PDB file of N, CA and C in Angstrom:
ATOM      1  N   MET A   1     111.052 106.847  85.715  1.00  0.00           N
ATOM      2  CA  MET A   1     110.083 106.361  86.677  1.00  0.00           C
ATOM      3  C   MET A   1     109.166 105.365  85.975  1.00  0.00           C
ATOM      4  N   GLU A   2     108.916 104.253  86.617  1.00  0.00           N
ATOM      5  CA  GLU A   2     108.035 103.225  86.069  1.00  0.00           C
ATOM      6  C   GLU A   2     106.757 103.123  86.895  1.00  0.00           C
ATOM      7  N   ALA A   3     105.673 102.785  86.221  1.00  0.00           N
ATOM      8  CA  ALA A   3     104.390 102.548  86.878  1.00  0.00           C
ATOM      9  C   ALA A   3     103.687 101.421  86.133  1.00  0.00           C
ATOM     10  N   TYR A   4     102.682 100.831  86.773  1.00  0.00           N
ATOM     11  CA  TYR A   4     101.944  99.724  86.160  1.00  0.00           C
ATOM     12  C   TYR A   4     100.801 100.278  85.312  1.00  0.00           C
ATOM     13  N   CYS A   5     100.757  99.866  84.056  1.00  0.00           N
ATOM     14  CA  CYS A   5      99.662 100.253  83.161  1.00  0.00           C
ATOM     15  C   CYS A   5      98.644  99.119  83.140  1.00  0.00           C
ATOM     16  N   VAL A   6      97.402  99.432  83.480  1.00  0.00           N
ATOM     17  CA  VAL A   6      96.348  98.421  83.534  1.00  0.00           C
ATOM     18  C   VAL A   6      96.000  97.938  82.128  1.00  0.00           C
ATOM     19  N   LYS A   7      96.036  98.830  81.160  1.00  0.00           N
ATOM     20  CA  LYS A   7      95.687  98.468  79.789  1.00  0.00           C
ATOM     21  C   LYS A   7      96.755  97.563  79.162  1.00  0.00           C
ATOM     22  N   CYS A   8      98.038  97.886  79.370  1.00  0.00           N
ATOM     23  CA  CYS A   8      99.146  97.081  78.828  1.00  0.00           C
ATOM     24  C   CYS A   8      99.435  95.854  79.694  1.00  0.00           C
ATOM     25  N   LYS A   9      98.971  95.862  80.943  1.00  0.00           N
ATOM     26  CA  LYS A   9      99.231  94.799  81.918  1.00  0.00           C
ATOM     27  C   LYS A   9     100.723  94.574  82.123  1.00  0.00           C
ATOM     28  N   ALA A  10     101.466  95.682  82.230  1.00  0.00           N
ATOM     29  CA  ALA A  10     102.914  95.600  82.420  1.00  0.00           C
ATOM     30  C   ALA A  10     103.420  96.895  83.038  1.00  0.00           C
ATOM     31  N   LYS A  11     104.635  96.841  83.593  1.00  0.00           N
ATOM     32  CA  LYS A  11     105.286  98.048  84.071  1.00  0.00           C
ATOM     33  C   LYS A  11     105.813  98.802  82.859  1.00  0.00           C
ATOM     34  N   VAL A  12     105.522 100.084  82.793  1.00  0.00           N
ATOM     35  CA  VAL A  12     105.937 100.905  81.659  1.00  0.00           C
ATOM     36  C   VAL A  12     106.592 102.186  82.162  1.00  0.00           C
ATOM     37  N   GLU A  13     107.351 102.816  81.301  1.00  0.00           N
ATOM     38  CA  GLU A  13     107.968 104.101  81.611  1.00  0.00           C
ATOM     39  C   GLU A  13     106.873 105.172  81.583  1.00  0.00           C
ATOM     40  N   VAL A  14     106.897 106.073  82.573  1.00  0.00           N
ATOM     41  CA  VAL A  14     105.894 107.134  82.663  1.00  0.00           C
ATOM     42  C   VAL A  14     106.351 108.318  81.817  1.00  0.00           C
ATOM     43  N   LYS A  15     105.471 108.755  80.916  1.00  0.00           N
ATOM     44  CA  LYS A  15     105.755 109.909  80.083  1.00  0.00           C
ATOM     45  C   LYS A  15     105.123 111.130  80.747  1.00  0.00           C
ATOM     46  N   ASN A  16     105.818 112.248  80.764  1.00  0.00           N
ATOM     47  CA  ASN A  16     105.353 113.492  81.398  1.00  0.00           C
ATOM     48  C   ASN A  16     104.970 113.286  82.861  1.00  0.00           C
ATOM     49  N   PRO A  17     105.885 112.741  83.695  1.00  0.00           N
ATOM     50  CA  PRO A  17     105.534 112.518  85.103  1.00  0.00           C
ATOM     51  C   PRO A  17     105.375 113.833  85.870  1.00  0.00           C
ATOM     52  N   LYS A  18     104.370 113.883  86.725  1.00  0.00           N
ATOM     53  CA  LYS A  18     104.119 115.060  87.564  1.00  0.00           C
ATOM     54  C   LYS A  18     104.008 114.607  89.006  1.00  0.00           C
ATOM     55  N   ASP A  19     104.700 115.299  89.900  1.00  0.00           N
ATOM     56  CA  ASP A  19     104.580 115.012  91.328  1.00  0.00           C
ATOM     57  C   ASP A  19     103.266 115.595  91.827  1.00  0.00           C
ATOM     58  N   VAL A  20     102.473 114.777  92.481  1.00  0.00           N
ATOM     59  CA  VAL A  20     101.205 115.219  93.056  1.00  0.00           C
ATOM     60  C   VAL A  20     101.138 114.759  94.508  1.00  0.00           C
ATOM     61  N   THR A  21     100.269 115.404  95.276  1.00  0.00           N
ATOM     62  CA  THR A  21     100.025 115.003  96.655  1.00  0.00           C
ATOM     63  C   THR A  21      98.561 114.614  96.772  1.00  0.00           C
ATOM     64  N   MET A  22      98.319 113.418  97.285  1.00  0.00           N
ATOM     65  CA  MET A  22      96.943 112.948  97.441  1.00  0.00           C
ATOM     66  C   MET A  22      96.276 113.671  98.611  1.00  0.00           C
ATOM     67  N   LYS A  23      94.961 113.521  98.736  1.00  0.00           N
ATOM     68  CA  LYS A  23      94.210 114.194  99.799  1.00  0.00           C
ATOM     69  C   LYS A  23      94.723 113.846 101.186  1.00  0.00           C
ATOM     70  N   ASN A  24      95.217 112.605 101.354  1.00  0.00           N
ATOM     71  CA  ASN A  24      95.706 112.193 102.667  1.00  0.00           C
ATOM     72  C   ASN A  24      97.158 112.604 102.909  1.00  0.00           C
ATOM     73  N   GLY A  25      97.773 113.338 101.968  1.00  0.00           N
ATOM     74  CA  GLY A  25      99.123 113.848 102.157  1.00  0.00           C
ATOM     75  C   GLY A  25     100.231 112.978 101.586  1.00  0.00           C
ATOM     76  N   ARG A  26      99.895 111.796 101.059  1.00  0.00           N
ATOM     77  CA  ARG A  26     100.910 110.901 100.499  1.00  0.00           C
ATOM     78  C   ARG A  26     101.375 111.419  99.135  1.00  0.00           C
ATOM     79  N   PRO A  27     102.672 111.325  98.860  1.00  0.00           N
ATOM     80  CA  PRO A  27     103.178 111.746  97.550  1.00  0.00           C
ATOM     81  C   PRO A  27     102.885 110.686  96.488  1.00  0.00           C
ATOM     82  N   ALA A  28     102.689 111.129  95.249  1.00  0.00           N
ATOM     83  CA  ALA A  28     102.397 110.207  94.154  1.00  0.00           C
ATOM     84  C   ALA A  28     102.903 110.798  92.840  1.00  0.00           C
ATOM     85  N   ILE A  29     102.889 109.969  91.802  1.00  0.00           N
ATOM     86  CA  ILE A  29     103.294 110.386  90.460  1.00  0.00           C
ATOM     87  C   ILE A  29     102.105 110.171  89.526  1.00  0.00           C
ATOM     88  N   ASN A  30     101.817 111.169  88.710  1.00  0.00           N
ATOM     89  CA  ASN A  30     100.752 111.099  87.721  1.00  0.00           C
ATOM     90  C   ASN A  30     101.390 111.281  86.352  1.00  0.00           C
ATOM     91  N   GLY A  31     100.978 110.516  85.355  1.00  0.00           N
ATOM     92  CA  GLY A  31     101.542 110.659  84.021  1.00  0.00           C
ATOM     93  C   GLY A  31     100.792 109.814  83.013  1.00  0.00           C
ATOM     94  N   THR A  32     101.440 109.561  81.866  1.00  0.00           N
ATOM     95  CA  THR A  32     100.825 108.748  80.833  1.00  0.00           C
ATOM     96  C   THR A  32     101.735 107.589  80.460  1.00  0.00           C
ATOM     97  N   CYS A  33     101.123 106.512  80.004  1.00  0.00           N
ATOM     98  CA  CYS A  33     101.856 105.321  79.573  1.00  0.00           C
ATOM     99  C   CYS A  33     102.598 105.649  78.283  1.00  0.00           C
ATOM    100  N   SER A  34     103.876 105.259  78.203  1.00  0.00           N
ATOM    101  CA  SER A  34     104.662 105.544  77.005  1.00  0.00           C
ATOM    102  C   SER A  34     104.284 104.643  75.836  1.00  0.00           C
ATOM    103  N   LYS A  35     103.578 103.536  76.102  1.00  0.00           N
ATOM    104  CA  LYS A  35     103.197 102.608  75.026  1.00  0.00           C
ATOM    105  C   LYS A  35     101.826 102.928  74.436  1.00  0.00           C
ATOM    106  N   CYS A  36     100.808 103.088  75.319  1.00  0.00           N
ATOM    107  CA  CYS A  36      99.436 103.240  74.810  1.00  0.00           C
ATOM    108  C   CYS A  36      98.822 104.618  75.081  1.00  0.00           C
ATOM    109  N   GLY A  37      99.435 105.439  75.928  1.00  0.00           N
ATOM    110  CA  GLY A  37      98.915 106.778  76.190  1.00  0.00           C
ATOM    111  C   GLY A  37      97.873 106.864  77.291  1.00  0.00           C
ATOM    112  N   THR A  38      97.582 105.753  77.968  1.00  0.00           N
ATOM    113  CA  THR A  38      96.620 105.739  79.063  1.00  0.00           C
ATOM    114  C   THR A  38      97.219 106.430  80.291  1.00  0.00           C
ATOM    115  N   LYS A  39      96.369 107.052  81.108  1.00  0.00           N
ATOM    116  CA  LYS A  39      96.845 107.670  82.345  1.00  0.00           C
ATOM    117  C   LYS A  39      97.337 106.596  83.300  1.00  0.00           C
ATOM    118  N   VAL A  40      98.485 106.845  83.936  1.00  0.00           N
ATOM    119  CA  VAL A  40      99.006 105.932  84.955  1.00  0.00           C
ATOM    120  C   VAL A  40      99.249 106.722  86.229  1.00  0.00           C
ATOM    121  N   PHE A  41      99.217 106.025  87.356  1.00  0.00           N
ATOM    122  CA  PHE A  41      99.331 106.649  88.670  1.00  0.00           C
ATOM    123  C   PHE A  41     100.157 105.739  89.555  1.00  0.00           C
ATOM    124  N   LYS A  42     101.129 106.300  90.261  1.00  0.00           N
ATOM    125  CA  LYS A  42     101.951 105.496  91.159  1.00  0.00           C
ATOM    126  C   LYS A  42     102.081 106.212  92.495  1.00  0.00           C
ATOM    127  N   ILE A  43     101.787 105.497  93.565  1.00  0.00           N
ATOM    128  CA  ILE A  43     101.936 106.038  94.910  1.00  0.00           C
ATOM    129  C   ILE A  43     103.377 105.825  95.343  1.00  0.00           C
ATOM    130  N   LYS A  44     104.037 106.903  95.759  1.00  0.00           N
ATOM    131  CA  LYS A  44     105.423 106.816  96.200  1.00  0.00           C
ATOM    132  C   LYS A  44     105.482 106.415  97.670  1.00  0.00           C
ATOM    133  N   ALA A  45     106.646 105.941  98.081  1.00  0.00           N
ATOM    134  CA  ALA A  45     106.855 105.592  99.483  1.00  0.00           C
ATOM    135  C   ALA A  45     106.842 106.871 100.317  1.00  0.00           C
ATOM    136  N   LYS A  46     106.448 106.752 101.576  1.00  0.00           N
ATOM    137  CA  LYS A  46     106.397 107.929 102.451  1.00  0.00           C
ATOM    138  C   LYS A  46     107.758 108.592 102.581  1.00  0.00           C
ATOM    139  N   SER A  47     108.835 107.805 102.482  1.00  0.00           N
ATOM    140  CA  SER A  47     110.184 108.350 102.631  1.00  0.00           C
ATOM    141  C   SER A  47     110.669 109.056 101.370  1.00  0.00           C
ATOM    142  N   ASP A  48     109.941 108.962 100.242  1.00  0.00           N
ATOM    143  CA  ASP A  48     110.346 109.580  98.977  1.00  0.00           C
ATOM    144  C   ASP A  48     109.887 111.022  98.829  1.00  0.00           C
ATOM    145  N   LYS A  49     109.392 111.622  99.879  1.00  0.00           N
ATOM    146  CA  LYS A  49     108.870 112.989  99.797  1.00  0.00           C
ATOM    147  C   LYS A  49     109.894 113.852  99.195  1.00  0.00           C
TER     148      LYS A  49
END
């Protein structure tokens, strides 16, 4: 799974990805950047539940 890292300014591979559900019910992925270790967050499509 890839997500955008703000610190690296690039799409990076997510390390330790966890499926989470936001308050509004949308699915998302929470994890860390494989390059710098910063937290990354990616909102999944509604159909990816």
